[in-house]
Amino acid sequence: MLGVILRRLRDLVIVLFVVGTALFFLLRSIPGDPAAVLLGTKASPEQLERLRHDLGLTGPLYEQYLHWLGNVLTGDFGTSIKYNLPVLQMIFDNIAPTLTLAIASTVISFMLTVLIVTWVTVAPNNRVARLVNRATQFGLALPEFWLALLAVYLFALTFGWFPTGGYTPLFEDPATAITQLALPVAVLVVGQTAFLTITMEESVLGELTQLYLRTARAKGVGERRIMLRHVLPNSMLPVLTTVGLNFASLIGGVVVIESIFIIPGLGTTLLGAVYARDFPLIQGGVMFIAFLFVLMNLLVDLAYALIDPKVRVS
């Protein structure tokens, strides 16, 4: 177990270094001047040059990189050009709405997936179970932005059951927060549930070919017990991997949902940083997302060790 943690920590350092370095040079190769974005088209060349110097955008590129890398190694990710606030503060101030969306949609999707696959596996001839299963497959083809706009039109504008958008911290006003989060979470749940259901069904089909099931049947174990005690638990490992990676990708990938439902999350913040050529904020945000990917991989590995004795022994 300790070896797994140490390897993931090593991977974390490598991934952050590669992502940060690649992003540093990539951003500075894209046309656009942050100083011109901030000061506008009427700024004089002297004003632009002075601001570039204040932002650390002057001098040879390798000097800028070494200066940035030295600051990162001390925990200083710079100051946002657009907001004039520390990058880490910007990330932590805007991560709560995105984490709320990601956690709520992931938990609900996982529970629905287990319920659907268990129902279909235990009662394969149930028409309702087969209908729900096919509906989840259909949900995989629905674009999230289209589904979000449809949800706003039907449930917010037409019926008035939910607000069109906004965000309230969950512990500040639970009732208002739940009504505001209902539609965006539901939109995210549709696609996630469909993908997780297909993943788990394929895992179940692979598990059904294992020889140990023949031994269990030979001992007189019933099919329902075999499915619930052996097949479904052993089919969870690929699902855990998918859940972990999907959760990490949601942190940086819900920008469309946040934009449609007017949620001030990390995705919306990074999108604004791209428009403003806010290099420090973009780099810090993307490195934070990369950090979450490695962290989720570590958590998935630890979950593997807890669930599968073979992994724990190895």
Protein backbone atom coordinates (compact mmCIF):
# COMPACT_ATOMS: atom_id res chain seq x y z
CA MET A 1 0.00 0.00 0.00
CA LEU A 2 2.82 2.38 0.85
CA GLY A 3 4.46 1.59 -2.48
CA VAL A 4 1.27 2.57 -4.33
CA ILE A 5 1.10 5.90 -2.51
CA LEU A 6 4.77 6.67 -3.18
CA ARG A 7 4.43 5.83 -6.87
CA ARG A 8 1.39 8.08 -7.19
CA LEU A 9 3.19 10.92 -5.44
CA ARG A 10 6.05 10.50 -7.91
CA ASP A 11 3.55 10.53 -10.78
CA LEU A 12 1.96 13.65 -9.32
CA VAL A 13 5.24 15.58 -9.43
CA ILE A 14 5.98 14.42 -12.99
CA VAL A 15 2.47 15.20 -14.27
CA LEU A 16 2.37 18.67 -12.72
CA PHE A 17 5.84 19.49 -14.10
CA VAL A 18 4.98 18.31 -17.62
CA VAL A 19 1.54 19.94 -17.68
CA GLY A 20 2.80 23.22 -16.22
CA THR A 21 5.79 23.43 -18.58
CA ALA A 22 3.81 22.52 -21.70
CA LEU A 23 1.05 24.95 -20.82
CA PHE A 24 3.51 27.76 -20.10
CA PHE A 25 5.02 27.66 -23.59
CA LEU A 26 1.73 26.85 -25.31
CA LEU A 27 -0.06 29.87 -23.85
CA ARG A 28 2.72 32.22 -24.84
CA SER A 29 2.65 30.94 -28.41
CA ILE A 30 -1.03 31.86 -28.80
CA PRO A 31 -1.67 35.30 -30.37
CA GLY A 32 -2.93 37.87 -27.91
CA ASP A 33 -1.55 40.39 -25.44
CA PRO A 34 -2.89 40.36 -21.85
CA ALA A 35 -1.79 43.99 -21.42
CA ALA A 36 -3.82 45.05 -24.47
CA VAL A 37 -6.84 43.13 -23.15
CA LEU A 38 -6.63 44.93 -19.79
CA LEU A 39 -5.88 48.46 -21.03
CA GLY A 40 -7.89 48.43 -24.25
CA THR A 41 -7.09 49.64 -27.72
CA LYS A 42 -6.55 53.27 -26.65
CA ALA A 43 -3.55 52.54 -24.42
CA SER A 44 -0.23 54.03 -25.42
CA PRO A 45 2.83 51.86 -26.18
CA GLU A 46 4.48 53.13 -23.00
CA GLN A 47 1.50 52.07 -20.87
CA LEU A 48 1.42 48.65 -22.52
CA GLU A 49 5.14 48.11 -21.98
CA ARG A 50 4.91 49.20 -18.33
CA LEU A 51 2.04 46.79 -17.67
CA ARG A 52 3.84 43.93 -19.43
CA HIS A 53 6.81 44.54 -17.15
CA ASP A 54 4.57 44.53 -14.06
CA LEU A 55 2.98 41.27 -15.22
CA GLY A 56 6.35 39.63 -15.82
CA LEU A 57 5.79 39.26 -19.55
CA THR A 58 8.98 40.98 -20.67
CA GLY A 59 12.43 39.54 -21.24
CA PRO A 60 13.50 36.27 -22.91
CA LEU A 61 11.01 33.43 -22.69
CA TYR A 62 13.38 31.13 -20.83
CA GLU A 63 13.86 33.77 -18.13
CA GLN A 64 10.10 34.10 -17.75
CA TYR A 65 9.85 30.31 -17.45
CA LEU A 66 12.61 30.00 -14.85
CA HIS A 67 11.04 32.83 -12.85
CA TRP A 68 7.62 31.12 -12.99
CA LEU A 69 9.05 27.69 -12.11
CA GLY A 70 10.95 29.10 -9.15
CA ASN A 71 7.79 30.70 -7.81
CA VAL A 72 5.76 27.50 -8.29
CA LEU A 73 8.33 25.46 -6.35
CA THR A 74 7.77 27.81 -3.41
CA GLY A 75 3.98 27.50 -3.69
CA ASP A 76 3.45 30.82 -5.45
CA PHE A 77 1.35 30.34 -8.60
CA GLY A 78 1.27 34.04 -9.34
CA THR A 79 -1.43 36.69 -9.38
CA SER A 80 -4.43 36.68 -11.66
CA ILE A 81 -4.04 39.31 -14.38
CA LYS A 82 -7.79 39.83 -14.70
CA TYR A 83 -8.81 39.81 -11.04
CA ASN A 84 -5.56 40.99 -9.39
CA LEU A 85 -5.85 38.24 -6.77
CA PRO A 86 -3.58 35.28 -5.96
CA VAL A 87 -4.25 32.34 -8.28
CA LEU A 88 -4.70 29.85 -5.44
CA GLN A 89 -7.23 32.16 -3.79
CA MET A 90 -9.17 32.40 -7.06
CA ILE A 91 -9.24 28.61 -7.37
CA PHE A 92 -10.34 27.99 -3.79
CA ASP A 93 -12.94 30.79 -3.94
CA ASN A 94 -14.58 29.32 -7.06
CA ILE A 95 -14.14 25.57 -6.57
CA ALA A 96 -17.10 25.07 -4.19
CA PRO A 97 -19.91 25.30 -6.83
CA THR A 98 -18.01 23.02 -9.21
CA LEU A 99 -17.26 20.48 -6.47
CA THR A 100 -20.91 20.53 -5.42
CA LEU A 101 -22.04 19.77 -8.97
CA ALA A 102 -19.39 17.07 -9.46
CA ILE A 103 -19.96 15.30 -6.13
CA ALA A 104 -23.77 15.39 -6.29
CA SER A 105 -23.98 14.19 -9.90
CA THR A 106 -21.32 11.49 -9.39
CA VAL A 107 -22.95 10.05 -6.26
CA ILE A 108 -26.44 10.03 -7.78
CA SER A 109 -25.17 8.55 -11.06
CA PHE A 110 -23.29 5.79 -9.26
CA MET A 111 -26.32 4.85 -7.15
CA LEU A 112 -28.61 4.82 -10.18
CA THR A 113 -26.13 2.72 -12.14
CA VAL A 114 -25.87 0.09 -9.42
CA LEU A 115 -29.66 0.03 -9.07
CA ILE A 116 -30.28 -0.29 -12.82
CA VAL A 117 -27.65 -2.96 -13.47
CA THR A 118 -28.68 -4.96 -10.40
CA TRP A 119 -32.31 -4.83 -11.50
CA VAL A 120 -31.50 -5.88 -15.07
CA THR A 121 -29.14 -8.63 -13.89
CA VAL A 122 -31.39 -10.14 -11.24
CA ALA A 123 -34.59 -9.75 -13.28
CA PRO A 124 -33.48 -9.93 -16.93
CA ASN A 125 -37.00 -10.61 -18.21
CA ASN A 126 -38.55 -7.58 -16.52
CA ARG A 127 -39.86 -5.24 -19.24
CA VAL A 128 -39.57 -2.12 -17.12
CA ALA A 129 -35.94 -2.96 -16.27
CA ARG A 130 -35.11 -3.45 -19.95
CA LEU A 131 -36.86 -0.19 -20.84
CA VAL A 132 -34.89 1.75 -18.21
CA ASN A 133 -31.68 0.14 -19.42
CA ARG A 134 -32.33 1.18 -23.02
CA ALA A 135 -33.24 4.69 -21.88
CA THR A 136 -29.84 5.05 -20.22
CA GLN A 137 -28.15 4.01 -23.47
CA PHE A 138 -30.18 6.62 -25.32
CA GLY A 139 -29.07 9.21 -22.75
CA LEU A 140 -25.46 8.69 -23.79
CA ALA A 141 -26.21 10.24 -27.19
CA LEU A 142 -27.84 13.41 -25.83
CA PRO A 143 -25.55 16.48 -25.87
CA GLU A 144 -25.36 18.06 -22.43
CA PHE A 145 -25.75 21.63 -23.71
CA TRP A 146 -28.92 20.69 -25.62
CA LEU A 147 -30.34 18.82 -22.64
CA ALA A 148 -29.52 21.77 -20.37
CA LEU A 149 -31.29 24.26 -22.66
CA LEU A 150 -34.29 21.93 -22.92
CA ALA A 151 -34.42 21.57 -19.12
CA VAL A 152 -34.35 25.36 -18.67
CA TYR A 153 -37.10 25.84 -21.27
CA LEU A 154 -39.43 23.14 -19.91
CA PHE A 155 -38.94 23.07 -16.14
CA ALA A 156 -37.89 26.68 -15.50
CA LEU A 157 -39.54 28.88 -18.13
CA THR A 158 -42.62 26.82 -19.08
CA PHE A 159 -43.67 25.13 -15.82
CA GLY A 160 -41.76 27.39 -13.40
CA TRP A 161 -40.82 24.50 -11.12
CA PHE A 162 -37.16 25.51 -10.80
CA PRO A 163 -35.15 28.74 -11.18
CA THR A 164 -33.33 29.32 -14.45
CA GLY A 165 -29.97 29.50 -12.71
CA GLY A 166 -27.92 30.90 -9.88
CA TYR A 167 -25.98 29.43 -7.01
CA THR A 168 -26.43 29.50 -3.24
CA PRO A 169 -24.03 27.67 -0.89
CA LEU A 170 -25.66 24.46 0.29
CA PHE A 171 -25.14 25.09 4.01
CA GLU A 172 -26.20 28.72 3.78
CA ASP A 173 -29.73 28.09 2.46
CA PRO A 174 -30.33 24.36 1.73
CA ALA A 175 -33.81 24.78 0.25
CA THR A 176 -32.76 27.44 -2.25
CA ALA A 177 -29.51 25.64 -3.05
CA ILE A 178 -31.29 22.37 -3.86
CA THR A 179 -33.80 24.03 -6.19
CA GLN A 180 -30.98 25.84 -8.01
CA LEU A 181 -28.84 22.71 -8.32
CA ALA A 182 -31.65 20.35 -9.32
CA LEU A 183 -31.58 21.04 -13.07
CA PRO A 184 -27.79 21.19 -13.64
CA VAL A 185 -27.23 18.08 -11.53
CA ALA A 186 -30.01 16.24 -13.38
CA VAL A 187 -28.45 17.14 -16.73
CA LEU A 188 -25.05 15.82 -15.62
CA VAL A 189 -26.61 12.68 -14.14
CA VAL A 190 -28.18 11.64 -17.45
CA GLY A 191 -24.92 11.32 -19.34
CA GLN A 192 -22.93 9.92 -16.43
CA THR A 193 -25.51 7.27 -15.60
CA ALA A 194 -25.71 6.16 -19.22
CA PHE A 195 -21.92 5.82 -19.51
CA LEU A 196 -21.51 4.09 -16.14
CA THR A 197 -24.37 1.69 -16.89
CA ILE A 198 -22.79 0.59 -20.17
CA THR A 199 -19.40 0.20 -18.45
CA MET A 200 -20.82 -1.90 -15.61
CA GLU A 201 -22.92 -4.06 -17.95
CA GLU A 202 -19.84 -4.92 -20.01
CA SER A 203 -18.00 -5.78 -16.81
CA VAL A 204 -20.89 -8.00 -15.68
CA LEU A 205 -20.90 -9.83 -19.03
CA GLY A 206 -17.17 -10.46 -18.69
CA GLU A 207 -17.61 -11.71 -15.13
CA LEU A 208 -20.33 -14.18 -16.20
CA THR A 209 -17.74 -16.15 -18.21
CA GLN A 210 -15.53 -16.86 -15.16
CA LEU A 211 -15.10 -20.49 -14.12
CA TYR A 212 -15.75 -19.87 -10.44
CA LEU A 213 -19.41 -19.32 -11.24
CA ARG A 214 -19.65 -22.88 -12.56
CA THR A 215 -18.27 -24.11 -9.24
CA ALA A 216 -20.81 -22.03 -7.33
CA ARG A 217 -23.67 -23.44 -9.40
CA ALA A 218 -22.36 -26.96 -8.90
CA LYS A 219 -22.55 -26.39 -5.15
CA GLY A 220 -26.22 -25.48 -5.49
CA VAL A 221 -25.92 -21.72 -5.06
CA GLY A 222 -28.94 -19.94 -6.57
CA GLU A 223 -28.62 -17.59 -9.51
CA ARG A 224 -29.87 -14.58 -7.57
CA ARG A 225 -27.32 -15.16 -4.83
CA ILE A 226 -24.54 -15.65 -7.40
CA MET A 227 -25.40 -12.35 -9.05
CA LEU A 228 -25.67 -10.34 -5.82
CA ARG A 229 -22.80 -11.90 -3.87
CA HIS A 230 -20.26 -12.58 -6.61
CA VAL A 231 -20.92 -11.13 -10.06
CA LEU A 232 -21.95 -7.58 -9.15
CA PRO A 233 -19.26 -6.94 -6.49
CA ASN A 234 -16.53 -8.31 -8.78
CA SER A 235 -17.79 -6.11 -11.61
CA MET A 236 -17.26 -2.90 -9.64
CA LEU A 237 -13.54 -2.41 -10.32
CA PRO A 238 -13.86 -0.98 -13.86
CA VAL A 239 -16.76 1.15 -12.66
CA LEU A 240 -14.63 2.64 -9.88
CA THR A 241 -11.97 3.61 -12.41
CA THR A 242 -14.58 5.28 -14.61
CA VAL A 243 -16.15 7.09 -11.65
CA GLY A 244 -12.79 8.42 -10.46
CA LEU A 245 -11.66 9.72 -13.84
CA ASN A 246 -15.11 11.07 -14.65
CA PHE A 247 -15.21 13.00 -11.38
CA ALA A 248 -11.84 14.61 -12.06
CA SER A 249 -12.87 15.55 -15.60
CA LEU A 250 -16.07 17.14 -14.31
CA ILE A 251 -14.04 19.66 -12.30
CA GLY A 252 -12.77 21.29 -15.46
CA GLY A 253 -15.45 20.16 -17.88
CA VAL A 254 -18.70 21.61 -16.54
CA VAL A 255 -18.04 25.05 -18.03
CA VAL A 256 -21.01 24.71 -20.43
CA ILE A 257 -23.38 23.73 -17.63
CA GLU A 258 -22.08 26.51 -15.38
CA SER A 259 -22.52 29.04 -18.18
CA ILE A 260 -26.08 28.00 -19.00
CA PHE A 261 -27.21 27.92 -15.36
CA ILE A 262 -25.16 30.99 -14.32
CA ILE A 263 -23.08 29.13 -11.73
CA PRO A 264 -19.85 30.92 -10.69
CA GLY A 265 -17.66 27.83 -10.60
CA LEU A 266 -14.10 27.00 -11.59
CA GLY A 267 -15.05 26.23 -15.18
CA THR A 268 -16.61 29.65 -15.69
CA THR A 269 -13.59 31.28 -14.04
CA LEU A 270 -11.15 29.49 -16.35
CA LEU A 271 -13.24 30.41 -19.38
CA GLY A 272 -13.06 34.07 -18.39
CA ALA A 273 -9.32 33.68 -17.87
CA VAL A 274 -8.94 32.36 -21.43
CA TYR A 275 -10.79 35.35 -22.86
CA ALA A 276 -8.60 37.74 -20.83
CA ARG A 277 -5.34 35.92 -21.63
CA ASP A 278 -4.89 35.49 -17.89
CA PHE A 279 -1.86 33.20 -18.10
CA PRO A 280 -1.25 32.64 -14.35
CA LEU A 281 -4.88 31.75 -13.65
CA ILE A 282 -5.11 29.39 -16.63
CA GLN A 283 -1.89 27.61 -15.66
CA GLY A 284 -2.89 27.33 -12.00
CA GLY A 285 -6.39 26.08 -12.83
CA VAL A 286 -5.22 23.44 -15.29
CA MET A 287 -2.49 22.24 -12.91
CA PHE A 288 -5.10 21.97 -10.16
CA ILE A 289 -7.26 19.78 -12.43
CA ALA A 290 -4.21 17.63 -13.26
CA PHE A 291 -3.58 17.29 -9.52
CA LEU A 292 -7.15 16.03 -9.06
CA PHE A 293 -6.67 13.44 -11.82
CA VAL A 294 -3.62 11.97 -10.07
CA LEU A 295 -5.34 12.16 -6.68
CA MET A 296 -8.40 10.32 -8.00
CA ASN A 297 -6.13 7.63 -9.51
CA LEU A 298 -4.57 7.16 -6.07
CA LEU A 299 -7.98 6.88 -4.40
CA VAL A 300 -9.12 4.37 -7.03
CA ASP A 301 -5.97 2.27 -6.44
CA LEU A 302 -6.63 2.28 -2.70
CA ALA A 303 -10.27 1.31 -3.32
CA TYR A 304 -9.06 -1.57 -5.52
CA ALA A 305 -6.89 -2.82 -2.66
CA LEU A 306 -9.83 -2.71 -0.26
CA ILE A 307 -12.25 -4.48 -2.60
CA ASP A 308 -10.03 -7.03 -4.36
CA PRO A 309 -7.82 -9.25 -2.13
CA LYS A 310 -5.61 -10.12 -5.15
CA VAL A 311 -4.67 -6.46 -5.59
CA ARG A 312 -4.04 -6.12 -1.87
CA VAL A 313 -1.69 -9.12 -1.83
CA SER A 314 0.20 -7.99 -4.94
